[in-house]
Amino acid sequence: MILFRLFIYLLAFRTERAFAPGSNYNDEDIGYEDIVEALGRDIKVWWFVPRTEYMKDEDFLGRFNTELEAFAEKNDGKLEHVYRSRSDYLGTIFFTIKLFLTKDPEELWNAHKDHLLSYGEVPYFRPARIQEHEDLKKAKVKPSVQTPKMRPEKNATLAVRSANPVLERVTDPNEVEVFEEPFEDMQKLSQPKDVPLSELRGHYYRRAAKGRDSTVYVIDSGAWIGENNKHKELSGVRLVDYLFAGPDPGTDMIDSWSEFYHGTKVLSRVAGQRLGTAPLANIVVVQIPNKFQYLTVAHMFDAILKTYDHIVQKRPKFAVLNMSLYFATGDLSGAYIQGENIIQKIKKDYDYPDASHKQEATGVLTTPEAVIKLSRYLVAEIEKLGNAKIVTCTSNNKNAPDGVLPANEMMEFPKTVVVVGSTGLDDKAIYQYWDKVRVYVPASNIMVASYDYFDDSPTILPDDGVSFGTGSVSGMLATFVSEGIPFDNVVEHLYKLAHSRKPPGVGDPEGYYTPIAFNGIERREWPSTVGDQEGLEEYILP
C-alpha cells in the first residue's frame, strides 16, 4: 500500500510540474482577456524599499505610490499592478510594481534613490518565473469540495469555531490524557527520557491544556478550512481569522494545489484533533500565495507584516508564528554550496543594481542584502512585542551549513526564534545538520491531514519534511504557555525537555542522535488506565 501511494504521489508530482505556475502553457487554453495577467514568464515583479527614516513619511510615500501607478499605466499595466506593503504601526516596508519582462523601472530608482534603500526584481519562491492567469486558482480548486468560503470583511474577526466537546471535557490544564495511538511519530513526542518507546505500549500522552488561550499563526500556503471545506481532522480547529498576503492578495480561503496542500498538512500538526499538539489553540491562517497561486519573498514579508499588525490589534495572550517556509535568498534550486554564507548563495538570475562602493557608503543595498535587512528588522520588531515567538526551520537540504532566513535570525534572537530540525525513523538527524539547532522532531513518514492522491478524499497519510515537525513544535510552545510556563521561559523550557532517543550502549561519533522534542509528561504522571475515550475512537483509532 505504501509503495502504491508513493507511485501515486510521484504521478501527481509529474502532473503538477506539467501544469503548475511557471510551466509552459497553451495560449488558446488561457486566452488574453487580461494581457498582463496572461504573460506567463514574461513578467517581472520589482520592489522598492524605502530608507528607515522615510517608512512613515506619507508625503514621500504618497507621491512615490502615485508615480509608480503612473509608470505602470504608461507601460501597458494597471493601477492594481502596484502594491504597497504597509503596517499601521511600522509604516511602509516596500512597494512592488509588476511589469513586462522588457520594462525596467530604473528611472524611478534614479529619481528617488535618496529616499530608497534598494530596488530590484523580487526573487520568486520557485526557480522559474511564474505564469499568471485570473482563472488559475479556479482550475486548482479540488473537484470534490464546494466553492471556498470568501475572505472575511476587512477588520472582521471570524467567530471561534467550537472544538470537539470531547477535547474540551477536562478543565484542569495539567491533567494528563492518554490515548491509544499507533502512529509512532506521535508517541515519540510523549516519550520520557530513558524510557524505551516500547514501554508506551502504543499510547500517546498529553496535557489537557492543549494550547488553550494561545494563538498560532500558520503562515503558509493557506489551508482547506472553513464551513465549505471540512476535513474531519480539522473540523474542530478554532479558526479566529484568515489573512491574505500581497501583492495580488487572494480572496478565497484555499490551499495551494501546486504546493501539495502544504499549509493544510502543517495546520494538522498544530491543531488537528488527532495529530495536533495544540488542538485548543486559536488559529489564524496567513495565506502567502496570491490570487494567481504563486509567491515571492515579497509575499512572505507582507504575510509577516500582516501578522505583526494582527498581534498588535487583537492582543492575544501568547502568539506563535509558525513559518515552515524560508525566504528565497539562497540558490532557489536547493543546490547549496558547502561553506558559503547566505549572501554568496544568491542566484544571479535576478536583476538588481550592484551597489558601488560609493553607494554602499550611503547605505544602498543589493536585493539579497535588502532581504536580509528586512528579515532582521521584522524579527526585531516581533521580539519587542514580548508575547510572540517564531518557529521555523531550515530547508530539507543537509548542505545548508549556516541555515536560511528566517532561521538564521536565531543567532541574533535566541529567545524569540526557534529553529526545528528533523529526525528519521531511526531517531537520527536527517535533511540538515546545522549544529546550532537545539530541538528536533520526527519528520520522516509522519502522519498529516491531506487528500488522497488517488480519489481526492480527505484522509490522514504519511509524508516527509521538516515543515510538518515545525507545526508540532509551534503547538508545543502554545501548550506549554497554556500549562502556565511564562512567555520568557517557554523556549528554554522546550530545549530543556528535549532529549536524544539514542538506545543504550549505541555509539554516536557523528552526533546524529540529536535532542527530540518532548511534551514533558513524565512516566510517573501516566494514568494507570487508558481512560474514557468515548467519542474519540472515530479519529483516534485508525
Protein backbone atom coordinates (compact mmCIF):
# COMPACT_ATOMS: atom_id res chain seq x y z
CA MET A 1 0.00 0.00 0.00
CA ILE A 2 2.81 2.39 0.87
CA LEU A 3 4.51 1.66 -2.46
CA PHE A 4 1.22 2.28 -4.25
CA ARG A 5 0.79 5.63 -2.51
CA LEU A 6 4.36 6.53 -3.39
CA PHE A 7 3.63 5.76 -7.05
CA ILE A 8 0.52 7.94 -6.97
CA TYR A 9 2.47 10.72 -5.24
CA LEU A 10 5.14 10.68 -7.92
CA LEU A 11 2.49 10.65 -10.61
CA ALA A 12 0.85 13.68 -9.01
CA PHE A 13 4.25 15.38 -8.80
CA ARG A 14 4.81 14.88 -12.53
CA THR A 15 1.32 16.24 -13.26
CA GLU A 16 1.89 19.25 -11.02
CA ARG A 17 5.13 20.05 -12.78
CA ALA A 18 3.35 19.91 -16.13
CA PHE A 19 0.62 22.38 -15.24
CA ALA A 20 1.71 24.33 -12.16
CA PRO A 21 2.58 28.03 -12.29
CA GLY A 22 5.86 28.56 -14.07
CA SER A 23 5.22 25.85 -16.66
CA ASN A 24 4.66 26.28 -20.35
CA TYR A 25 1.04 26.78 -21.29
CA ASN A 26 -1.21 26.83 -24.35
CA ASP A 27 -2.24 30.36 -25.32
CA GLU A 28 -5.55 29.02 -26.65
CA ASP A 29 -6.33 27.45 -23.27
CA ILE A 30 -5.61 30.63 -21.31
CA GLY A 31 -6.55 33.41 -23.69
CA TYR A 32 -5.55 37.04 -23.43
CA GLU A 33 -8.54 38.60 -21.69
CA ASP A 34 -6.13 40.48 -19.49
CA ILE A 35 -2.82 40.87 -21.29
CA VAL A 36 -0.61 41.41 -18.24
CA GLU A 37 -2.21 38.58 -16.27
CA ALA A 38 -1.54 36.05 -19.06
CA LEU A 39 2.09 36.90 -19.64
CA GLY A 40 3.48 33.61 -18.44
CA ARG A 41 7.21 34.02 -17.82
CA ASP A 42 7.18 37.42 -19.47
CA ILE A 43 6.69 39.46 -16.30
CA LYS A 44 8.88 40.68 -13.50
CA VAL A 45 7.87 41.89 -10.08
CA TRP A 46 10.10 44.74 -8.89
CA TRP A 47 10.29 46.21 -5.44
CA PHE A 48 11.45 49.47 -3.91
CA VAL A 49 12.50 49.51 -0.26
CA PRO A 50 12.32 52.91 1.46
CA ARG A 51 15.01 54.01 3.86
CA THR A 52 14.09 53.63 7.51
CA GLU A 53 13.65 57.36 8.06
CA TYR A 54 11.04 57.51 5.27
CA MET A 55 8.97 54.44 6.19
CA LYS A 56 6.36 56.69 7.84
CA ASP A 57 6.84 59.80 5.68
CA GLU A 58 3.44 59.95 3.99
CA ASP A 59 4.43 62.98 1.92
CA PHE A 60 7.13 60.98 0.13
CA LEU A 61 5.34 57.63 0.24
CA GLY A 62 2.14 59.03 -1.24
CA ARG A 63 3.98 60.81 -4.06
CA PHE A 64 6.05 57.75 -4.85
CA ASN A 65 2.99 55.49 -4.92
CA THR A 66 1.33 57.85 -7.41
CA GLU A 67 4.41 57.84 -9.63
CA LEU A 68 4.54 54.04 -9.56
CA GLU A 69 0.90 53.83 -10.66
CA ALA A 70 1.50 56.32 -13.47
CA PHE A 71 4.54 54.32 -14.60
CA ALA A 72 2.52 51.11 -14.60
CA GLU A 73 -0.23 52.62 -16.75
CA LYS A 74 2.30 54.16 -19.14
CA ASN A 75 3.84 50.72 -19.64
CA ASP A 76 0.64 48.82 -20.50
CA GLY A 77 -0.18 47.95 -16.93
CA LYS A 78 -2.86 48.87 -14.38
CA LEU A 79 -3.09 50.73 -11.09
CA GLU A 80 -3.54 47.40 -9.26
CA HIS A 81 -0.15 46.25 -10.51
CA VAL A 82 1.34 48.50 -7.83
CA TYR A 83 1.27 47.20 -4.27
CA ARG A 84 2.25 48.89 -1.02
CA SER A 85 3.21 46.68 1.93
CA ARG A 86 2.19 48.85 4.84
CA SER A 87 1.77 48.40 8.58
CA ASP A 88 -0.42 50.67 10.67
CA TYR A 89 2.38 50.67 13.25
CA LEU A 90 5.70 50.20 11.43
CA GLY A 91 5.00 52.09 8.24
CA THR A 92 5.71 51.01 4.65
CA ILE A 93 8.46 48.42 4.22
CA PHE A 94 8.31 48.15 0.41
CA PHE A 95 6.39 48.85 -2.80
CA THR A 96 6.09 46.41 -5.70
CA ILE A 97 5.29 47.00 -9.35
CA LYS A 98 4.51 44.29 -11.92
CA LEU A 99 5.81 44.94 -15.45
CA PHE A 100 6.50 43.29 -18.78
CA LEU A 101 9.81 41.47 -18.90
CA THR A 102 11.33 44.16 -21.14
CA LYS A 103 10.31 47.06 -18.92
CA ASP A 104 12.62 48.40 -16.24
CA PRO A 105 11.62 50.96 -13.57
CA GLU A 106 15.19 52.17 -13.09
CA GLU A 107 14.17 55.76 -13.87
CA LEU A 108 12.07 55.76 -10.69
CA TRP A 109 15.02 54.46 -8.72
CA ASN A 110 17.27 57.18 -10.12
CA ALA A 111 14.71 59.86 -9.31
CA HIS A 112 14.21 58.77 -5.69
CA LYS A 113 17.35 56.92 -4.63
CA ASP A 114 17.96 59.44 -1.84
CA HIS A 115 14.76 58.12 -0.22
CA LEU A 116 15.22 54.46 -1.11
CA LEU A 117 17.40 51.76 0.33
CA SER A 118 17.16 49.26 -2.52
CA TYR A 119 15.33 48.31 -5.67
CA GLY A 120 15.39 45.22 -7.87
CA GLU A 121 13.49 42.20 -9.09
CA VAL A 122 11.88 40.30 -6.25
CA PRO A 123 13.09 36.67 -6.01
CA TYR A 124 10.40 34.08 -6.64
CA PHE A 125 9.99 31.07 -4.42
CA ARG A 126 10.46 28.80 -7.44
CA PRO A 127 13.41 28.88 -9.85
CA ALA A 128 11.21 29.63 -12.88
CA ARG A 129 9.29 32.83 -13.35
CA ILE A 130 5.59 32.47 -12.82
CA GLN A 131 2.69 32.39 -15.24
CA GLU A 132 -0.29 34.48 -14.21
CA HIS A 133 -3.88 33.90 -15.15
CA GLU A 134 -7.07 35.09 -13.46
CA ASP A 135 -8.68 31.64 -13.65
CA LEU A 136 -5.64 29.70 -12.46
CA LYS A 137 -6.90 29.31 -8.91
CA LYS A 138 -10.27 28.05 -10.15
CA ALA A 139 -8.56 25.30 -12.09
CA LYS A 140 -6.76 24.22 -8.93
CA VAL A 141 -9.83 24.05 -6.65
CA LYS A 142 -10.33 20.47 -5.54
CA PRO A 143 -13.18 18.94 -7.58
CA SER A 144 -14.61 17.09 -4.58
CA VAL A 145 -15.31 20.18 -2.47
CA GLN A 146 -17.70 23.09 -2.73
CA THR A 147 -16.74 26.64 -3.61
CA PRO A 148 -14.36 28.01 -0.95
CA LYS A 149 -15.69 30.43 1.62
CA MET A 150 -14.90 34.03 0.69
CA ARG A 151 -12.47 36.08 2.74
CA PRO A 152 -13.95 37.92 5.71
CA GLU A 153 -14.62 41.63 5.55
CA LYS A 154 -11.69 43.87 6.43
CA ASN A 155 -11.16 44.22 10.18
CA ALA A 156 -13.72 41.49 10.84
CA THR A 157 -12.87 38.57 13.10
CA LEU A 158 -14.26 35.10 12.49
CA ALA A 159 -16.31 33.57 15.27
CA VAL A 160 -14.28 30.95 17.12
CA ARG A 161 -15.37 27.51 15.98
CA SER A 162 -16.14 25.28 18.94
CA ALA A 163 -13.71 22.42 19.31
CA ASN A 164 -14.89 18.85 19.68
CA PRO A 165 -16.65 18.76 23.09
CA VAL A 166 -14.64 15.66 24.00
CA LEU A 167 -11.44 17.68 23.53
CA GLU A 168 -12.73 20.30 25.97
CA ARG A 169 -14.18 17.96 28.59
CA VAL A 170 -11.31 18.44 31.10
CA THR A 171 -10.90 21.75 32.92
CA ASP A 172 -7.62 21.14 34.78
CA PRO A 173 -4.96 22.18 32.22
CA ASN A 174 -2.32 19.91 33.78
CA GLU A 175 -4.41 16.77 33.86
CA VAL A 176 -2.87 14.05 31.71
CA GLU A 177 -4.87 12.42 28.93
CA VAL A 178 -3.84 9.12 27.38
CA PHE A 179 -4.88 7.69 24.03
CA GLU A 180 -4.27 4.57 22.05
CA GLU A 181 -2.07 5.87 19.22
CA PRO A 182 -0.45 3.56 16.67
CA PHE A 183 1.43 6.40 14.95
CA GLU A 184 4.96 6.28 16.37
CA ASP A 185 5.76 9.90 15.45
CA MET A 186 3.05 10.97 17.90
CA GLN A 187 4.17 8.53 20.61
CA LYS A 188 7.72 9.86 20.45
CA LEU A 189 6.54 13.36 21.37
CA SER A 190 5.42 12.00 24.75
CA GLN A 191 8.36 9.63 25.30
CA PRO A 192 10.22 10.50 28.53
CA LYS A 193 13.99 10.34 28.80
CA ASP A 194 15.43 6.85 29.37
CA VAL A 195 12.06 5.22 28.68
CA PRO A 196 12.04 2.88 25.65
CA LEU A 197 9.27 3.58 23.15
CA SER A 198 8.02 0.03 23.66
CA GLU A 199 7.04 0.90 27.24
CA LEU A 200 4.48 3.41 25.99
CA ARG A 201 2.62 0.33 24.69
CA GLY A 202 1.15 2.21 21.75
CA HIS A 203 -0.08 5.13 23.85
CA TYR A 204 0.26 8.90 23.43
CA TYR A 205 0.10 11.19 26.45
CA ARG A 206 -0.79 14.90 26.52
CA ARG A 207 -1.96 17.51 28.98
CA ALA A 208 -5.50 18.83 28.90
CA ALA A 209 -4.28 22.42 28.29
CA LYS A 210 -3.78 21.70 24.57
CA GLY A 211 -2.87 25.30 23.73
CA ARG A 212 -5.99 26.93 25.13
CA ASP A 213 -5.84 30.78 25.08
CA SER A 214 -2.69 30.80 22.92
CA THR A 215 -2.82 31.83 19.25
CA VAL A 216 -0.83 30.15 16.49
CA TYR A 217 -0.38 31.97 13.18
CA VAL A 218 0.08 29.38 10.42
CA ILE A 219 1.96 31.44 7.80
CA ASP A 220 1.91 29.11 4.84
CA SER A 221 0.25 28.18 1.55
CA GLY A 222 -3.23 28.56 3.04
CA ALA A 223 -5.44 25.81 4.44
CA TRP A 224 -8.55 23.91 3.45
CA ILE A 225 -10.56 25.06 6.40
CA GLY A 226 -13.90 26.72 6.96
CA GLU A 227 -17.51 25.74 6.59
CA ASN A 228 -17.26 24.64 2.96
CA ASN A 229 -14.01 22.71 3.19
CA LYS A 230 -14.28 20.22 6.04
CA HIS A 231 -11.67 17.64 6.89
CA LYS A 232 -12.59 15.55 9.93
CA GLU A 233 -9.12 16.06 11.39
CA LEU A 234 -9.54 19.85 11.14
CA SER A 235 -13.27 20.11 11.87
CA GLY A 236 -12.63 21.28 15.44
CA VAL A 237 -9.95 23.88 14.65
CA ARG A 238 -10.64 27.14 16.49
CA LEU A 239 -10.19 29.43 13.47
CA VAL A 240 -10.36 33.08 14.56
CA ASP A 241 -9.11 34.81 11.40
CA TYR A 242 -7.75 34.26 7.90
CA LEU A 243 -5.33 36.76 6.33
CA PHE A 244 -4.06 37.16 2.76
CA ALA A 245 -0.63 38.41 1.69
CA GLY A 246 0.08 40.63 -1.32
CA PRO A 247 0.94 41.71 -3.92
CA ASP A 248 -2.24 40.49 -5.63
CA PRO A 249 -3.66 39.10 -2.36
CA GLY A 250 -6.06 36.20 -2.59
CA THR A 251 -9.75 36.36 -1.77
CA ASP A 252 -10.65 32.72 -1.15
CA MET A 253 -9.73 30.52 1.81
CA ILE A 254 -7.98 27.74 -0.08
CA ASP A 255 -4.74 25.80 -0.02
CA SER A 256 -2.39 25.69 -2.97
CA TRP A 257 -2.56 22.54 -5.07
CA SER A 258 0.83 23.46 -6.54
CA GLU A 259 2.29 23.40 -3.02
CA PHE A 260 0.76 19.95 -2.29
CA TYR A 261 -1.60 21.36 0.38
CA HIS A 262 1.44 22.23 2.46
CA GLY A 263 -0.41 24.62 4.77
CA THR A 264 -3.21 22.14 5.47
CA LYS A 265 -0.67 19.50 6.47
CA VAL A 266 1.23 21.90 8.74
CA LEU A 267 -2.03 23.05 10.36
CA SER A 268 -2.94 19.45 11.16
CA ARG A 269 0.29 19.07 13.15
CA VAL A 270 -0.52 22.26 15.09
CA ALA A 271 -4.23 21.90 15.82
CA GLY A 272 -5.56 18.68 14.34
CA GLN A 273 -7.83 16.70 16.64
CA ARG A 274 -5.61 13.65 16.47
CA LEU A 275 -2.29 14.91 15.10
CA GLY A 276 -2.08 18.38 16.63
CA THR A 277 -0.11 19.26 19.73
CA ALA A 278 -2.40 22.26 20.46
CA PRO A 279 -5.95 21.35 19.34
CA LEU A 280 -7.49 24.04 21.57
CA ALA A 281 -5.25 26.90 20.38
CA ASN A 282 -6.76 29.79 18.49
CA ILE A 283 -5.65 29.65 14.85
CA VAL A 284 -5.00 32.42 12.33
CA VAL A 285 -4.12 31.20 8.84
CA VAL A 286 -1.99 33.61 6.80
CA GLN A 287 -2.12 32.63 3.14
CA ILE A 288 1.11 33.57 1.37
CA PRO A 289 0.37 32.57 -2.26
CA ASN A 290 -1.53 35.29 -4.07
CA LYS A 291 -4.65 35.02 -6.20
CA PHE A 292 -2.53 33.53 -9.00
CA GLN A 293 -1.24 30.90 -6.56
CA TYR A 294 2.44 31.85 -6.58
CA LEU A 295 4.62 33.55 -4.02
CA THR A 296 7.75 35.65 -3.84
CA VAL A 297 9.87 36.83 -0.96
CA ALA A 298 7.73 40.00 -1.02
CA HIS A 299 4.62 37.93 -0.26
CA MET A 300 6.41 36.30 2.65
CA PHE A 301 7.42 39.63 4.16
CA ASP A 302 3.93 41.02 3.64
CA ALA A 303 2.50 37.97 5.42
CA ILE A 304 4.74 38.61 8.43
CA LEU A 305 3.83 42.30 8.41
CA LYS A 306 0.10 41.47 8.41
CA THR A 307 0.70 39.02 11.24
CA TYR A 308 2.52 41.70 13.23
CA ASP A 309 -0.39 44.14 12.85
CA HIS A 310 -2.89 41.44 13.79
CA ILE A 311 -0.99 40.69 17.02
CA VAL A 312 -0.86 44.38 17.94
CA GLN A 313 -4.56 44.88 17.18
CA LYS A 314 -6.00 41.69 18.71
CA ARG A 315 -3.58 41.36 21.63
CA PRO A 316 -3.54 37.57 22.02
CA LYS A 317 -2.28 36.26 25.36
CA PHE A 318 0.55 34.44 23.58
CA ALA A 319 1.35 34.25 19.87
CA VAL A 320 3.37 31.69 17.93
CA LEU A 321 4.29 32.48 14.33
CA ASN A 322 4.69 29.14 12.55
CA MET A 323 6.69 29.66 9.37
CA SER A 324 7.55 26.35 7.77
CA LEU A 325 8.99 28.15 4.73
CA TYR A 326 12.12 30.17 4.19
CA PHE A 327 12.91 33.39 2.33
CA ALA A 328 14.18 32.99 -1.21
CA THR A 329 17.64 34.35 -0.57
CA GLY A 330 19.65 31.27 -1.45
CA ASP A 331 20.12 29.16 -4.53
CA LEU A 332 16.46 28.52 -5.34
CA SER A 333 17.27 25.13 -6.84
CA GLY A 334 18.33 23.98 -3.38
CA ALA A 335 21.88 23.22 -4.57
CA TYR A 336 23.68 24.94 -1.72
CA ILE A 337 27.46 25.13 -1.88
CA GLN A 338 29.26 23.99 1.24
CA GLY A 339 30.96 26.77 3.16
CA GLU A 340 29.31 29.78 1.54
CA ASN A 341 27.41 32.34 3.56
CA ILE A 342 23.87 33.50 2.81
CA ILE A 343 24.74 36.42 0.55
CA GLN A 344 27.12 34.28 -1.51
CA LYS A 345 24.33 31.77 -2.13
CA ILE A 346 22.18 34.24 -4.08
CA LYS A 347 21.28 33.15 -7.58
CA LYS A 348 22.33 35.65 -10.22
CA ASP A 349 19.18 35.14 -12.28
CA TYR A 350 17.53 38.20 -10.79
CA ASP A 351 18.05 41.80 -11.80
CA TYR A 352 19.19 44.29 -9.23
CA PRO A 353 21.81 47.04 -9.30
CA ASP A 354 25.22 46.15 -7.95
CA ALA A 355 25.95 48.61 -5.20
CA SER A 356 29.12 50.55 -5.88
CA HIS A 357 31.49 51.37 -3.04
CA LYS A 358 30.08 54.90 -3.05
CA GLN A 359 26.52 53.59 -2.85
CA GLU A 360 27.39 51.15 -0.10
CA ALA A 361 28.81 54.01 1.91
CA THR A 362 25.38 55.69 1.76
CA GLY A 363 23.52 52.51 2.66
CA VAL A 364 22.29 51.33 -0.77
CA LEU A 365 21.75 47.58 -0.71
CA THR A 366 21.55 44.87 -3.33
CA THR A 367 18.35 42.81 -3.35
CA PRO A 368 19.85 39.93 -1.32
CA GLU A 369 21.14 42.36 1.27
CA ALA A 370 17.75 44.08 1.40
CA VAL A 371 16.10 40.70 2.06
CA ILE A 372 18.46 40.09 4.93
CA LYS A 373 17.87 43.58 6.34
CA LEU A 374 14.07 43.26 6.20
CA SER A 375 14.24 39.84 7.81
CA ARG A 376 16.33 41.19 10.67
CA TYR A 377 14.09 44.25 11.06
CA LEU A 378 10.80 42.31 11.25
CA VAL A 379 12.14 39.72 13.69
CA ALA A 380 13.47 42.51 15.91
CA GLU A 381 10.05 44.18 15.96
CA ILE A 382 8.33 40.89 16.78
CA GLU A 383 10.72 40.33 19.68
CA LYS A 384 9.76 43.77 21.06
CA LEU A 385 6.13 42.62 21.33
CA GLY A 386 7.15 40.45 24.29
CA ASN A 387 4.40 37.84 23.81
CA ALA A 388 5.37 36.32 20.45
CA LYS A 389 7.75 33.60 19.26
CA ILE A 390 8.74 32.47 15.77
CA VAL A 391 9.04 28.76 14.99
CA THR A 392 10.72 27.99 11.69
CA CYS A 393 13.04 25.50 10.04
CA THR A 394 15.89 25.25 7.62
CA SER A 395 15.47 23.58 4.27
CA ASN A 396 15.30 19.83 3.63
CA ASN A 397 18.82 20.08 2.22
CA LYS A 398 21.59 18.87 4.50
CA ASN A 399 24.24 21.10 2.91
CA ALA A 400 22.96 24.41 4.29
CA PRO A 401 25.64 24.93 6.96
CA ASP A 402 24.55 28.35 8.20
CA GLY A 403 20.82 27.88 7.92
CA VAL A 404 18.49 30.04 5.84
CA LEU A 405 16.29 33.01 6.66
CA PRO A 406 14.45 33.50 8.92
CA ALA A 407 16.13 30.54 10.65
CA ASN A 408 19.47 32.33 10.76
CA GLU A 409 17.87 35.03 12.93
CA MET A 410 18.07 32.58 15.83
CA MET A 411 21.70 33.64 16.20
CA GLU A 412 20.64 37.22 16.97
CA PHE A 413 17.32 36.48 18.70
CA PRO A 414 17.72 33.13 20.51
CA LYS A 415 14.79 33.72 22.88
CA THR A 416 12.38 34.56 20.07
CA VAL A 417 13.31 32.35 17.11
CA VAL A 418 13.15 28.57 17.41
CA VAL A 419 14.67 26.54 14.57
CA VAL A 420 13.40 22.99 14.25
CA GLY A 421 15.45 20.12 12.88
CA SER A 422 14.20 16.74 11.73
CA THR A 423 14.86 13.11 12.57
CA GLY A 424 14.18 9.91 10.66
CA LEU A 425 12.66 6.61 11.63
CA ASP A 426 15.90 5.68 13.40
CA ASP A 427 15.75 8.89 15.52
CA LYS A 428 18.86 10.29 13.84
CA ALA A 429 19.02 13.75 12.28
CA ILE A 430 18.12 13.92 8.61
CA TYR A 431 17.88 16.59 5.88
CA GLN A 432 20.19 19.10 7.53
CA TYR A 433 22.77 19.10 10.30
CA TRP A 434 23.17 22.76 11.31
CA ASP A 435 24.90 22.46 14.67
CA LYS A 436 23.04 25.46 16.11
CA VAL A 437 19.68 23.65 16.09
CA ARG A 438 18.67 22.64 19.61
CA VAL A 439 15.39 20.79 19.06
CA TYR A 440 14.36 18.16 16.52
CA VAL A 441 11.14 16.31 15.73
CA PRO A 442 10.24 13.20 13.72
CA ALA A 443 9.87 14.25 10.09
CA SER A 444 10.10 11.04 8.11
CA ASN A 445 6.91 9.13 7.31
CA ILE A 446 4.93 11.25 9.76
CA MET A 447 1.17 11.46 9.55
CA VAL A 448 -0.56 14.59 8.23
CA ALA A 449 -4.07 15.58 7.22
CA SER A 450 -4.31 15.83 3.45
CA TYR A 451 -6.18 14.44 0.49
CA ASP A 452 -5.84 11.04 -1.10
CA TYR A 453 -3.70 11.25 -4.24
CA PHE A 454 -5.98 8.74 -5.99
CA ASP A 455 -9.56 9.80 -5.26
CA ASP A 456 -9.06 13.24 -3.59
CA SER A 457 -10.90 12.18 -0.42
CA PRO A 458 -9.89 13.70 2.96
CA THR A 459 -7.51 11.38 4.73
CA ILE A 460 -4.53 11.04 7.03
CA LEU A 461 -1.43 9.93 5.17
CA PRO A 462 2.34 9.71 5.69
CA ASP A 463 4.62 12.45 4.42
CA ASP A 464 8.20 13.64 4.84
CA GLY A 465 9.62 17.06 5.65
CA VAL A 466 10.79 19.22 8.49
CA SER A 467 7.92 21.65 7.79
CA PHE A 468 5.40 19.37 9.44
CA GLY A 469 7.55 18.86 12.53
CA THR A 470 7.73 22.64 12.83
CA GLY A 471 3.96 22.66 13.30
CA SER A 472 4.30 20.16 16.15
CA VAL A 473 6.79 22.40 17.96
CA SER A 474 4.59 25.50 17.48
CA GLY A 475 1.74 23.62 19.13
CA MET A 476 4.03 22.51 21.96
CA LEU A 477 5.02 26.11 22.75
CA ALA A 478 1.35 27.15 22.75
CA THR A 479 0.51 24.28 25.08
CA PHE A 480 3.42 24.98 27.45
CA VAL A 481 2.16 28.54 27.93
CA SER A 482 -1.40 27.32 28.49
CA GLU A 483 0.05 24.99 31.16
CA GLY A 484 1.47 28.02 32.95
CA ILE A 485 5.05 28.30 31.64
CA PRO A 486 5.96 32.05 31.43
CA PHE A 487 6.46 33.59 27.97
CA ASP A 488 10.06 34.46 28.70
CA ASN A 489 10.94 30.90 29.71
CA VAL A 490 8.96 28.86 27.20
CA VAL A 491 11.74 28.46 24.60
CA GLU A 492 14.30 27.36 27.15
CA HIS A 493 11.67 25.04 28.65
CA LEU A 494 11.28 23.41 25.22
CA TYR A 495 15.05 22.93 24.91
CA LYS A 496 15.41 21.63 28.44
CA LEU A 497 12.81 18.91 27.91
CA ALA A 498 14.15 17.76 24.52
CA HIS A 499 16.34 14.66 24.69
CA SER A 500 18.06 12.16 22.43
CA ARG A 501 16.37 8.83 21.73
CA LYS A 502 19.74 7.06 21.34
CA PRO A 503 19.42 3.44 22.52
CA PRO A 504 21.62 2.44 25.50
CA GLY A 505 25.07 1.20 24.50
CA VAL A 506 24.89 2.57 20.96
CA GLY A 507 27.77 4.80 19.86
CA ASP A 508 27.19 8.10 18.09
CA PRO A 509 30.54 9.51 16.88
CA GLU A 510 28.84 11.68 14.22
CA GLY A 511 26.44 13.23 16.73
CA TYR A 512 23.39 12.26 14.66
CA TYR A 513 21.27 11.33 17.69
CA THR A 514 20.00 14.85 18.29
CA PRO A 515 17.58 16.04 21.02
CA ILE A 516 13.96 15.32 20.03
CA ALA A 517 11.11 17.42 21.43
CA PHE A 518 9.26 16.05 24.46
CA ASN A 519 5.97 17.39 25.86
CA GLY A 520 7.12 16.98 29.47
CA ILE A 521 4.77 14.26 30.73
CA GLU A 522 6.93 12.02 32.87
CA ARG A 523 6.30 8.33 33.41
CA ARG A 524 5.18 8.87 37.00
CA GLU A 525 2.30 11.01 35.66
CA TRP A 526 0.90 8.35 33.34
CA PRO A 527 -2.67 7.36 34.23
CA SER A 528 -2.98 3.73 35.30
CA THR A 529 -5.62 3.08 32.63
CA VAL A 530 -6.25 4.40 29.14
CA GLY A 531 -9.30 6.19 30.48
CA ASP A 532 -12.53 7.30 28.85
CA GLN A 533 -12.11 7.54 25.09
CA GLU A 534 -15.80 7.52 24.24
CA GLY A 535 -16.41 9.82 21.32
CA LEU A 536 -12.73 9.81 20.37
CA GLU A 537 -12.48 6.46 18.59
CA GLU A 538 -13.57 7.99 15.28
CA TYR A 539 -10.31 9.84 14.90
CA ILE A 540 -8.00 8.29 17.49
CA LEU A 541 -8.31 4.75 16.18
CA PRO A 542 -7.41 4.06 12.54
